[in-house]
Amino acid sequence: MEPRRALGTRRRGLCAGLLMVAVLAVAAAGAVAAGDVAVAGRTAELLRFAPEGTWAAGAVDLERLLAAPMLAPLPMMAPDIARQARGIRTAAAFALPMEPPLDEHEGPRRVCGLVELAEGKRGALETELTGARQDEPLEGLAVYGGPDLLAAFVDDTTLVFGSDRDALAAAVRVVRAGAGAGLTGGLKAITEPHAGRTLFGGMALPRPLAEGFPESAREDSPEWIRELTGAGFGCDLAPNLAARVHLKFLNPDAAQAVRGAAQERIAALRTELAAQGDPAMAAVRASAAMVLDAIELTAEGPDFRASIDLNPQQTQALQGALFMQMMMFGQSLGRARAQAQTAVGMANLRNLFTSMVLYRADHQQQFPPSLKALLDEGYLTDRDMLIDPADPAPQVDPQSGLPTSYLYAGEVPPNVPGNFIIAYSRKGIYGDVRFVLYADGAVSEVSEADLQRSGAARGMSFWDCFRWAADHWRSEFVYEDEERLRRFFEIQG
């Protein structure tokens, strides 16, 4: 039977967050002003996997990045990111040819790459990925994600990804072969000086931007941007902060223009820092000024370069200032994050109820036998709704076989009262309270004590709900149904 409509288009982004870590790290490093000798590291080894035609590449040594003292507060400030990144060693991403390579409406979005995992990471990651959309197998490999990003495990320590099936197939081929075409020509020349740093990347445009710069972007873009032909960067956070940026243009005038614009921006930042008088931010202002003073800008011919090198004392001072700032804002950020997680957790239960209403309308008002039935029959299309953002380790539900943060009663009499509990968040996610979904669609935050006490929690405790279901079962209350509801309502004995 076809559902009248499917519910849910929101995607948690787990696949994209894990599989595109190289791209995200490269983008983050671009905010740091970027010598010329790269620190030896594992990231340089990943360049050999670049498929033929690659025109942009980036890589990150995530273990080395997260070990930097500068990022020590990350688990406290962003626990979800820290948890997902744990066990990922390195990652690389490659931009593949497009026809046309650059276009006003379609950006250079064909990418593929690989993620190197530590021993034992695959199991936990695979469990989480099973909650994402699954695509048709590719060359004997299970495929996760889609439609915008696909991923597959080539072996226990290698995860490959691609923006479409062709890109994913390219990644599978180069990993199985042990190498691809590697970097060549201009891309090799501009990227290799940075290869091996904790974060690095480069691009050599298939054609100068001047030849195909979108007309709609001309008014809002500086003149020099359309003269760009290539770029490279590299960054290390430890033992000392060191970064490099190299931009290559069609002519020397563009390089000089970039240098002038950068100098103006640095001067403006110095003015803004001087205007801030909050004593509590004095250390942060001093560290920011120190970083600005350490930036060196050069323009030689068509090449613009920026670099920054902090000595051990300067790096330590910057780390201290950043940690102080994170601590100052940590509590407010933590409260905001908790409020956002609470809102999403409750919204997930409401969306599950909506999908149940649609299911019941097509099944003679019967409740679905499991959450999996909602997915299998198309009433729920987003598996992310089964995961609470505050849940650090979603568990596999024996009823559905899916990782989930919510437990569902399963089939119950269709005429249950409105205050009958039909689903709730797993115990422990929110301390001594749970989010509870009732048969009338209401979602409430209920304490563990009230779930066990008659008269509380909208009048029905776990025991009250179990007894009502047993007394109003439409046919013989068989052993399997009784045991299922005993487990759901946590009835002992």
Protein backbone atom coordinates (compact mmCIF):
# COMPACT_ATOMS: atom_id res chain seq x y z
CA MET A 1 0.00 0.00 0.00
CA GLU A 2 1.43 3.39 -0.95
CA PRO A 3 1.53 5.93 1.87
CA ARG A 4 -0.23 9.18 1.13
CA ARG A 5 2.96 11.09 1.81
CA ALA A 6 6.34 10.47 3.27
CA LEU A 7 7.63 12.31 6.31
CA GLY A 8 10.99 13.94 6.79
CA THR A 9 13.67 15.46 4.66
CA ARG A 10 16.08 16.57 7.41
CA ARG A 11 19.40 14.72 7.38
CA ARG A 12 21.60 14.51 10.43
CA GLY A 13 24.68 14.92 8.24
CA LEU A 14 26.62 12.11 9.89
CA CYS A 15 27.90 10.78 6.57
CA ALA A 16 28.82 14.23 5.30
CA GLY A 17 30.38 15.21 8.62
CA LEU A 18 32.57 12.12 8.79
CA LEU A 19 33.34 11.51 5.17
CA MET A 20 34.04 15.09 4.14
CA VAL A 21 36.22 15.87 7.15
CA ALA A 22 39.10 16.65 4.81
CA VAL A 23 37.10 19.25 2.92
CA LEU A 24 35.81 20.85 6.11
CA ALA A 25 39.24 20.97 7.66
CA VAL A 26 40.68 22.54 4.53
CA ALA A 27 38.01 25.23 4.59
CA ALA A 28 38.67 25.94 8.27
CA ALA A 29 42.38 26.28 7.70
CA GLY A 30 41.75 28.85 4.99
CA ALA A 31 40.78 31.27 7.75
CA VAL A 32 44.36 31.10 9.12
CA ALA A 33 46.89 33.25 7.28
CA ALA A 34 49.32 30.84 5.86
CA GLY A 35 58.76 28.23 5.60
CA ASP A 36 58.41 26.58 2.68
CA VAL A 37 59.51 23.25 4.13
CA ALA A 38 56.55 21.09 5.12
CA VAL A 39 56.53 18.98 8.25
CA ALA A 40 56.78 15.31 7.36
CA GLY A 41 53.47 13.56 7.98
CA ARG A 42 51.09 10.87 6.85
CA THR A 43 48.92 13.29 4.88
CA ALA A 44 51.53 13.52 2.10
CA GLU A 45 51.15 9.80 1.45
CA LEU A 46 47.48 10.26 0.56
CA LEU A 47 48.23 12.29 -2.56
CA ARG A 48 49.02 9.14 -4.51
CA PHE A 49 45.31 8.26 -4.44
CA ALA A 50 44.30 11.30 -6.52
CA PRO A 51 42.29 10.02 -9.53
CA GLU A 52 43.17 11.11 -13.05
CA GLY A 53 41.99 14.63 -13.81
CA THR A 54 42.07 15.84 -10.19
CA TRP A 55 42.31 19.64 -10.11
CA ALA A 56 41.99 20.26 -6.36
CA ALA A 57 43.05 18.21 -3.36
CA GLY A 58 43.18 18.51 0.41
CA ALA A 59 44.11 16.33 3.36
CA VAL A 60 44.10 16.37 7.16
CA ASP A 61 45.89 14.33 9.81
CA LEU A 62 43.01 14.34 12.26
CA GLU A 63 44.87 12.50 15.03
CA ARG A 64 47.64 15.06 14.92
CA LEU A 65 45.17 17.93 14.69
CA LEU A 66 43.13 16.86 17.71
CA ALA A 67 46.29 16.21 19.74
CA ALA A 68 47.30 19.88 19.42
CA PRO A 69 47.05 21.66 22.80
CA MET A 70 45.22 24.49 21.04
CA LEU A 71 42.26 22.14 20.48
CA ALA A 72 42.25 20.61 23.97
CA PRO A 73 38.88 22.23 24.85
CA LEU A 74 37.16 20.70 21.78
CA PRO A 75 35.61 17.68 23.59
CA MET A 76 34.03 20.08 26.07
CA MET A 77 32.92 22.67 23.53
CA ALA A 78 31.80 20.32 20.75
CA PRO A 79 31.37 16.81 22.15
CA ASP A 80 29.51 15.50 19.10
CA ILE A 81 32.32 16.52 16.73
CA ALA A 82 34.96 15.13 19.08
CA ARG A 83 33.10 11.83 19.39
CA GLN A 84 32.67 11.39 15.65
CA ALA A 85 36.30 12.32 14.96
CA ARG A 86 37.70 9.89 17.50
CA GLY A 87 39.30 6.96 15.70
CA ILE A 88 39.72 8.75 12.36
CA ARG A 89 43.42 8.94 11.48
CA THR A 90 43.67 10.85 8.20
CA ALA A 91 41.39 11.91 5.37
CA ALA A 92 41.79 13.30 1.87
CA ALA A 93 39.42 14.77 -0.72
CA PHE A 94 39.88 15.26 -4.46
CA ALA A 95 37.89 17.44 -6.89
CA LEU A 96 37.17 15.63 -10.15
CA PRO A 97 36.70 17.07 -13.66
CA MET A 98 33.36 18.65 -14.54
CA GLU A 99 31.88 19.67 -17.88
CA PRO A 100 32.04 22.61 -17.84
CA PRO A 101 34.61 22.80 -15.03
CA LEU A 102 33.15 26.03 -13.65
CA ASP A 103 29.67 27.29 -14.27
CA GLU A 104 27.44 30.07 -13.04
CA HIS A 105 24.85 27.65 -11.71
CA GLU A 106 26.84 24.52 -10.91
CA GLY A 107 29.93 24.82 -8.75
CA PRO A 108 32.83 22.33 -8.71
CA ARG A 109 31.04 19.78 -6.56
CA ARG A 110 32.23 16.44 -7.98
CA VAL A 111 34.48 15.10 -5.27
CA CYS A 112 35.74 11.80 -3.94
CA GLY A 113 38.21 10.75 -1.30
CA LEU A 114 39.08 8.42 1.51
CA VAL A 115 39.16 8.30 5.29
CA GLU A 116 41.74 6.18 7.13
CA LEU A 117 40.34 4.64 10.32
CA ALA A 118 42.07 3.32 13.40
CA GLU A 119 41.75 -0.37 14.18
CA GLY A 120 38.34 -1.08 15.69
CA LYS A 121 36.69 2.16 14.51
CA ARG A 122 34.75 0.54 11.67
CA GLY A 123 32.29 -1.30 13.91
CA ALA A 124 31.07 1.78 15.75
CA LEU A 125 31.02 3.89 12.60
CA GLU A 126 29.19 1.24 10.59
CA THR A 127 26.54 0.99 13.31
CA GLU A 128 25.90 4.72 13.05
CA LEU A 129 25.94 4.71 9.25
CA THR A 130 23.25 2.02 9.13
CA GLY A 131 20.92 4.73 10.38
CA ALA A 132 21.57 6.72 7.21
CA ARG A 133 20.00 6.11 3.83
CA GLN A 134 21.46 3.10 2.00
CA ASP A 135 22.03 3.03 -1.76
CA GLU A 136 22.45 0.14 -4.18
CA PRO A 137 25.68 -1.89 -3.67
CA LEU A 138 28.70 -0.88 -5.75
CA GLU A 139 31.30 -3.42 -6.89
CA GLY A 140 30.28 -5.75 -4.08
CA LEU A 141 30.42 -3.06 -1.39
CA ALA A 142 27.56 -1.83 0.79
CA VAL A 143 26.88 1.84 0.04
CA TYR A 144 25.67 4.34 2.63
CA GLY A 145 24.32 7.86 2.30
CA GLY A 146 22.96 9.66 -0.73
CA PRO A 147 21.77 11.31 -2.79
CA ASP A 148 24.46 14.00 -2.43
CA LEU A 149 27.20 11.95 -0.78
CA LEU A 150 27.85 8.21 -0.87
CA ALA A 151 30.27 6.12 1.17
CA ALA A 152 31.53 2.55 1.35
CA PHE A 153 34.02 0.54 3.40
CA VAL A 154 36.75 -0.88 1.16
CA ASP A 155 38.27 -2.68 4.16
CA ASP A 156 38.27 -2.42 7.96
CA THR A 157 40.43 0.70 8.02
CA THR A 158 39.46 2.51 4.80
CA LEU A 159 36.23 4.36 4.09
CA VAL A 160 35.81 5.95 0.65
CA PHE A 161 33.28 8.58 -0.39
CA GLY A 162 32.02 10.28 -3.52
CA SER A 163 29.52 12.94 -4.51
CA ASP A 164 27.85 10.47 -6.90
CA ARG A 165 28.22 6.81 -7.87
CA ASP A 166 30.84 7.53 -10.54
CA ALA A 167 32.93 9.52 -8.07
CA LEU A 168 32.56 6.78 -5.45
CA ALA A 169 33.61 4.18 -8.03
CA ALA A 170 36.71 6.26 -8.82
CA ALA A 171 37.67 6.27 -5.15
CA VAL A 172 37.12 2.51 -4.86
CA ARG A 173 39.31 1.86 -7.92
CA VAL A 174 42.30 3.91 -6.76
CA VAL A 175 42.22 2.47 -3.25
CA ARG A 176 42.00 -1.10 -4.51
CA ALA A 177 44.81 -0.41 -6.99
CA GLY A 178 46.97 1.11 -4.27
CA ALA A 179 47.33 4.41 -6.14
CA GLY A 180 45.75 6.72 -8.69
CA ALA A 181 47.29 9.16 -11.12
CA GLY A 182 48.50 11.37 -8.28
CA LEU A 183 48.93 15.12 -8.54
CA THR A 184 50.32 16.45 -11.80
CA GLY A 185 51.25 19.74 -13.46
CA GLY A 186 50.24 22.96 -11.78
CA LEU A 187 48.32 21.22 -8.99
CA LYS A 188 51.41 19.26 -7.99
CA ALA A 189 53.60 22.36 -8.09
CA ILE A 190 51.34 24.44 -5.86
CA THR A 191 50.29 21.68 -3.43
CA GLU A 192 53.42 19.64 -2.73
CA PRO A 193 55.29 22.42 -0.87
CA HIS A 194 52.59 22.12 1.82
CA ALA A 195 52.09 18.34 1.69
CA GLY A 196 52.64 16.62 5.01
CA ARG A 197 51.39 19.45 7.18
CA THR A 198 48.54 18.72 9.55
CA LEU A 199 46.17 20.47 7.15
CA PHE A 200 46.99 21.24 3.56
CA GLY A 201 45.40 21.64 0.19
CA GLY A 202 45.72 23.11 -3.25
CA MET A 203 43.93 23.75 -6.50
CA ALA A 204 44.92 24.48 -10.07
CA LEU A 205 41.86 25.71 -11.91
CA PRO A 206 41.10 23.85 -15.16
CA ARG A 207 40.81 27.29 -16.78
CA PRO A 208 41.34 30.80 -15.37
CA LEU A 209 38.32 32.33 -13.72
CA ALA A 210 38.65 35.23 -16.14
CA GLU A 211 37.53 32.93 -18.98
CA GLY A 212 34.27 31.92 -17.37
CA PHE A 213 33.58 34.22 -14.44
CA PRO A 214 29.81 34.34 -13.77
CA GLU A 215 28.37 37.67 -14.86
CA SER A 216 26.14 37.77 -11.78
CA ALA A 217 29.19 37.69 -9.49
CA ARG A 218 31.25 40.42 -11.16
CA GLU A 219 29.78 43.35 -9.22
CA ASP A 220 30.27 41.79 -5.77
CA SER A 221 33.75 40.34 -6.31
CA PRO A 222 37.12 42.09 -6.24
CA GLU A 223 38.79 42.50 -9.60
CA TRP A 224 41.70 40.24 -8.71
CA ILE A 225 39.59 37.15 -7.97
CA ARG A 226 38.87 36.52 -11.64
CA GLU A 227 42.63 36.49 -12.32
CA LEU A 228 43.17 33.54 -9.97
CA THR A 229 44.63 30.38 -11.51
CA GLY A 230 45.69 28.37 -8.47
CA ALA A 231 46.07 28.28 -4.69
CA GLY A 232 47.80 26.23 -2.03
CA PHE A 233 48.01 26.28 1.76
CA GLY A 234 49.32 24.34 4.72
CA CYS A 235 48.89 24.65 8.47
CA ASP A 236 50.31 23.12 11.65
CA LEU A 237 48.95 23.82 15.13
CA ALA A 238 51.68 22.02 17.08
CA PRO A 239 54.29 22.19 18.37
CA ASN A 240 54.07 25.79 17.12
CA LEU A 241 51.49 27.52 14.97
CA ALA A 242 52.76 27.76 11.41
CA ALA A 243 50.73 28.40 8.27
CA ARG A 244 51.26 29.27 4.61
CA VAL A 245 48.99 30.54 1.83
CA HIS A 246 50.03 30.83 -1.83
CA LEU A 247 47.79 32.39 -4.49
CA LYS A 248 48.79 32.37 -8.17
CA PHE A 249 47.34 34.84 -10.68
CA LEU A 250 47.46 35.60 -14.38
CA ASN A 251 49.39 38.84 -13.84
CA PRO A 252 51.46 40.64 -11.15
CA ASP A 253 48.88 43.42 -10.70
CA ALA A 254 46.41 40.95 -9.16
CA ALA A 255 49.02 39.70 -6.67
CA GLN A 256 49.80 43.28 -5.63
CA ALA A 257 46.08 44.01 -5.27
CA VAL A 258 45.64 41.06 -2.90
CA ARG A 259 48.61 42.16 -0.81
CA GLY A 260 47.16 45.66 -0.55
CA ALA A 261 43.72 44.35 0.42
CA ALA A 262 45.24 42.06 3.07
CA GLN A 263 47.27 44.92 4.55
CA GLU A 264 44.14 47.08 4.76
CA ARG A 265 42.22 44.30 6.48
CA ILE A 266 44.98 43.74 9.04
CA ALA A 267 45.09 47.48 9.78
CA ALA A 268 41.31 47.52 10.25
CA LEU A 269 41.52 44.59 12.67
CA ARG A 270 44.19 46.37 14.70
CA THR A 271 41.90 49.40 14.95
CA GLU A 272 38.98 47.23 16.08
CA LEU A 273 41.14 45.57 18.75
CA ALA A 274 42.32 48.93 20.07
CA ALA A 275 38.71 50.12 20.37
CA GLN A 276 37.67 47.21 22.57
CA GLY A 277 38.01 48.09 26.25
CA ASP A 278 36.65 45.05 28.09
CA PRO A 279 39.30 44.20 30.73
CA ALA A 280 38.23 40.55 30.73
CA MET A 281 39.27 40.30 27.09
CA ALA A 282 42.70 41.85 27.52
CA ALA A 283 44.57 38.57 27.10
CA VAL A 284 42.55 37.71 24.02
CA ARG A 285 43.24 41.14 22.50
CA ALA A 286 46.95 40.83 23.20
CA SER A 287 47.12 37.40 21.56
CA ALA A 288 45.17 38.59 18.53
CA ALA A 289 47.51 41.56 18.12
CA MET A 290 50.50 39.22 18.40
CA VAL A 291 49.13 37.04 15.59
CA LEU A 292 48.49 40.07 13.37
CA ASP A 293 52.03 41.29 13.97
CA ALA A 294 53.44 37.90 12.96
CA ILE A 295 51.74 37.79 9.56
CA GLU A 296 54.07 38.36 6.62
CA LEU A 297 52.72 39.30 3.18
CA THR A 298 54.66 39.25 -0.08
CA ALA A 299 53.83 39.71 -3.76
CA GLU A 300 56.42 38.64 -6.32
CA GLY A 301 55.35 38.57 -9.93
CA PRO A 302 52.01 36.75 -10.24
CA ASP A 303 52.44 35.05 -6.82
CA PHE A 304 50.99 36.27 -3.53
CA ARG A 305 52.14 34.60 -0.32
CA ALA A 306 51.14 34.98 3.31
CA SER A 307 52.81 33.25 6.23
CA ILE A 308 52.77 33.12 9.99
CA ASP A 309 55.21 31.45 12.36
CA LEU A 310 54.80 31.69 16.13
CA ASN A 311 57.59 30.69 18.50
CA PRO A 312 56.84 28.36 21.46
CA GLN A 313 56.13 31.23 23.85
CA GLN A 314 53.78 32.94 21.39
CA THR A 315 51.98 29.68 20.62
CA GLN A 316 51.52 28.99 24.33
CA ALA A 317 50.16 32.50 24.91
CA LEU A 318 47.70 32.07 22.05
CA GLN A 319 46.57 28.71 23.41
CA GLY A 320 45.98 30.24 26.83
CA ALA A 321 43.96 33.10 25.41
CA LEU A 322 41.83 30.79 23.29
CA PHE A 323 41.22 28.47 26.24
CA MET A 324 40.23 31.44 28.41
CA GLN A 325 37.78 32.66 25.79
CA MET A 326 36.30 29.19 25.38
CA MET A 327 35.84 28.88 29.13
CA MET A 328 34.14 32.29 29.28
CA PHE A 329 31.62 31.33 26.65
CA GLY A 330 31.51 27.62 27.42
CA GLN A 331 28.64 27.73 29.89
CA SER A 332 26.39 29.84 27.68
CA LEU A 333 27.23 27.71 24.65
CA GLY A 334 26.56 24.58 26.66
CA ARG A 335 23.15 25.85 27.69
CA ALA A 336 22.31 26.83 24.13
CA ARG A 337 23.44 23.43 22.85
CA ALA A 338 21.39 21.62 25.50
CA GLN A 339 18.31 23.66 24.63
CA ALA A 340 18.77 22.92 20.92
CA GLN A 341 19.21 19.21 21.60
CA THR A 342 16.10 19.18 23.77
CA ALA A 343 14.07 20.88 21.04
CA VAL A 344 15.24 18.40 18.39
CA GLY A 345 14.66 15.41 20.68
CA MET A 346 11.06 16.42 21.35
CA ALA A 347 10.50 17.30 17.69
CA ASN A 348 11.69 13.84 16.67
CA LEU A 349 9.00 12.22 18.81
CA ARG A 350 6.34 14.54 17.37
CA ASN A 351 7.44 13.64 13.85
CA LEU A 352 7.30 9.94 14.71
CA PHE A 353 3.73 10.48 15.89
CA THR A 354 2.81 12.19 12.60
CA SER A 355 4.18 9.25 10.64
CA MET A 356 2.17 6.88 12.88
CA VAL A 357 -1.01 8.85 12.16
CA LEU A 358 -0.41 8.42 8.42
CA TYR A 359 0.31 4.72 8.89
CA ARG A 360 -2.83 4.16 10.97
CA ALA A 361 -5.00 5.95 8.41
CA ASP A 362 -3.91 3.37 5.81
CA HIS A 363 -4.04 0.34 8.15
CA GLN A 364 -7.48 0.44 9.76
CA GLN A 365 -6.20 2.50 12.71
CA GLN A 366 -3.74 -0.19 13.78
CA PHE A 367 -0.48 0.99 15.32
CA PRO A 368 2.65 0.03 13.35
CA PRO A 369 4.35 -3.11 14.68
CA SER A 370 7.73 -1.33 14.85
CA LEU A 371 9.54 1.86 13.87
CA LYS A 372 11.14 -0.12 11.07
CA ALA A 373 7.70 -0.60 9.51
CA LEU A 374 7.37 3.18 9.18
CA LEU A 375 10.66 3.29 7.29
CA ASP A 376 10.03 0.23 5.15
CA GLU A 377 6.62 1.48 3.98
CA GLY A 378 7.73 5.07 3.39
CA TYR A 379 5.84 6.83 6.17
CA LEU A 380 9.17 7.91 7.63
CA THR A 381 11.97 8.70 5.18
CA ASP A 382 14.59 10.20 7.48
CA ARG A 383 16.26 7.70 9.80
CA ASP A 384 17.92 10.59 11.60
CA MET A 385 14.62 11.14 13.39
CA LEU A 386 15.37 7.96 15.33
CA ILE A 387 18.49 9.56 16.84
CA ASP A 388 18.43 12.13 19.64
CA PRO A 389 21.30 14.65 19.22
CA ALA A 390 22.03 14.35 22.95
CA ASP A 391 22.48 10.57 22.74
CA PRO A 392 26.23 9.81 22.75
CA ALA A 393 25.78 6.16 21.75
CA PRO A 394 22.46 5.16 20.12
CA GLN A 395 21.69 1.51 20.77
CA VAL A 396 20.27 -1.06 18.38
CA ASP A 397 16.60 -1.64 19.11
CA PRO A 398 15.92 -5.41 19.15
CA GLN A 399 12.41 -4.77 17.84
CA SER A 400 13.49 -2.87 14.72
CA GLY A 401 17.17 -3.81 14.39
CA LEU A 402 18.04 -0.11 13.93
CA PRO A 403 20.18 2.18 16.06
CA THR A 404 17.80 4.51 17.86
CA SER A 405 17.46 6.76 20.87
CA TYR A 406 13.75 6.02 21.27
CA LEU A 407 11.82 2.97 22.39
CA TYR A 408 8.39 2.25 20.91
CA ALA A 409 5.67 0.09 22.44
CA GLY A 410 4.78 -1.59 19.17
CA GLU A 411 1.30 -2.83 18.42
CA VAL A 412 -1.24 -1.89 21.11
CA PRO A 413 -5.06 -1.71 21.07
CA PRO A 414 -6.18 1.01 18.62
CA ASN A 415 -8.51 2.63 21.18
CA VAL A 416 -5.85 3.43 23.78
CA PRO A 417 -6.58 6.58 25.83
CA GLY A 418 -4.81 9.79 24.91
CA ASN A 419 -2.52 9.64 27.95
CA PHE A 420 -1.27 6.14 27.10
CA ILE A 421 2.53 6.08 26.66
CA ILE A 422 3.52 4.77 23.21
CA ALA A 423 7.18 5.85 22.97
CA TYR A 424 9.91 7.51 24.99
CA SER A 425 13.58 8.48 24.88
CA ARG A 426 16.06 5.92 26.14
CA LYS A 427 16.88 6.05 29.84
CA GLY A 428 19.92 8.14 30.76
CA ILE A 429 20.09 10.48 27.76
CA TYR A 430 18.69 13.38 29.78
CA GLY A 431 19.68 12.35 33.28
CA ASP A 432 16.70 11.43 35.47
CA VAL A 433 14.04 12.52 32.96
CA ARG A 434 12.77 11.14 29.67
CA PHE A 435 10.83 12.58 26.77
CA VAL A 436 7.53 10.72 26.53
CA LEU A 437 5.20 10.47 23.51
CA TYR A 438 1.53 9.87 24.31
CA ALA A 439 -1.16 8.35 22.12
CA ASP A 440 -2.74 11.76 21.53
CA GLY A 441 0.53 13.17 20.14
CA ALA A 442 1.56 15.15 23.21
CA VAL A 443 5.26 15.07 24.14
CA SER A 444 6.26 15.73 27.75
CA GLU A 445 9.37 15.70 29.88
CA VAL A 446 8.71 13.20 32.68
CA SER A 447 10.91 12.23 35.62
CA GLU A 448 11.86 8.61 36.23
CA ALA A 449 9.93 8.70 39.51
CA ASP A 450 6.71 9.93 37.86
CA LEU A 451 6.90 7.20 35.22
CA GLN A 452 6.58 4.68 38.03
CA ARG A 453 3.93 6.50 40.09
CA SER A 454 0.19 6.29 39.39
CA GLY A 455 -1.55 9.63 39.15
CA ALA A 456 1.55 11.42 37.90
CA ALA A 457 2.74 11.79 34.30
CA ARG A 458 -0.71 12.73 32.95
CA GLY A 459 -2.34 10.14 35.19
CA MET A 460 -0.84 6.90 33.83
CA SER A 461 2.37 5.28 35.01
CA PHE A 462 4.23 2.53 33.18
CA TRP A 463 2.29 -0.04 35.22
CA ASP A 464 -1.05 1.66 34.50
CA CYS A 465 -0.37 1.55 30.75
CA PHE A 466 0.64 -2.10 30.87
CA ARG A 467 -2.49 -3.12 32.81
CA TRP A 468 -4.76 -1.11 30.47
CA ALA A 469 -3.27 -2.80 27.40
CA ALA A 470 -3.59 -6.25 28.95
CA ASP A 471 -7.21 -5.64 29.98
CA HIS A 472 -8.28 -4.23 26.59
CA TRP A 473 -6.38 -6.52 24.22
CA ARG A 474 -8.56 -7.14 21.20
CA SER A 475 -7.90 -10.90 21.23
CA GLU A 476 -5.98 -13.39 23.33
CA PHE A 477 -3.09 -11.67 25.13
CA VAL A 478 -0.36 -14.05 23.99
CA TYR A 479 2.98 -14.53 25.69
CA GLU A 480 4.97 -12.66 23.02
CA ASP A 481 2.79 -9.54 23.34
CA GLU A 482 2.93 -9.64 27.12
CA GLU A 483 6.71 -9.97 27.19
CA ARG A 484 7.15 -7.17 24.65
CA LEU A 485 5.03 -4.77 26.69
CA ARG A 486 6.68 -5.85 29.95
CA ARG A 487 10.04 -4.91 28.48
CA PHE A 488 8.76 -1.62 27.13
CA PHE A 489 7.04 -0.60 30.38
CA GLU A 490 9.90 -2.00 32.47
CA ILE A 491 7.69 -4.35 34.44
CA GLN A 492 9.75 -6.67 36.62
CA GLY A 493 8.63 -10.22 37.45
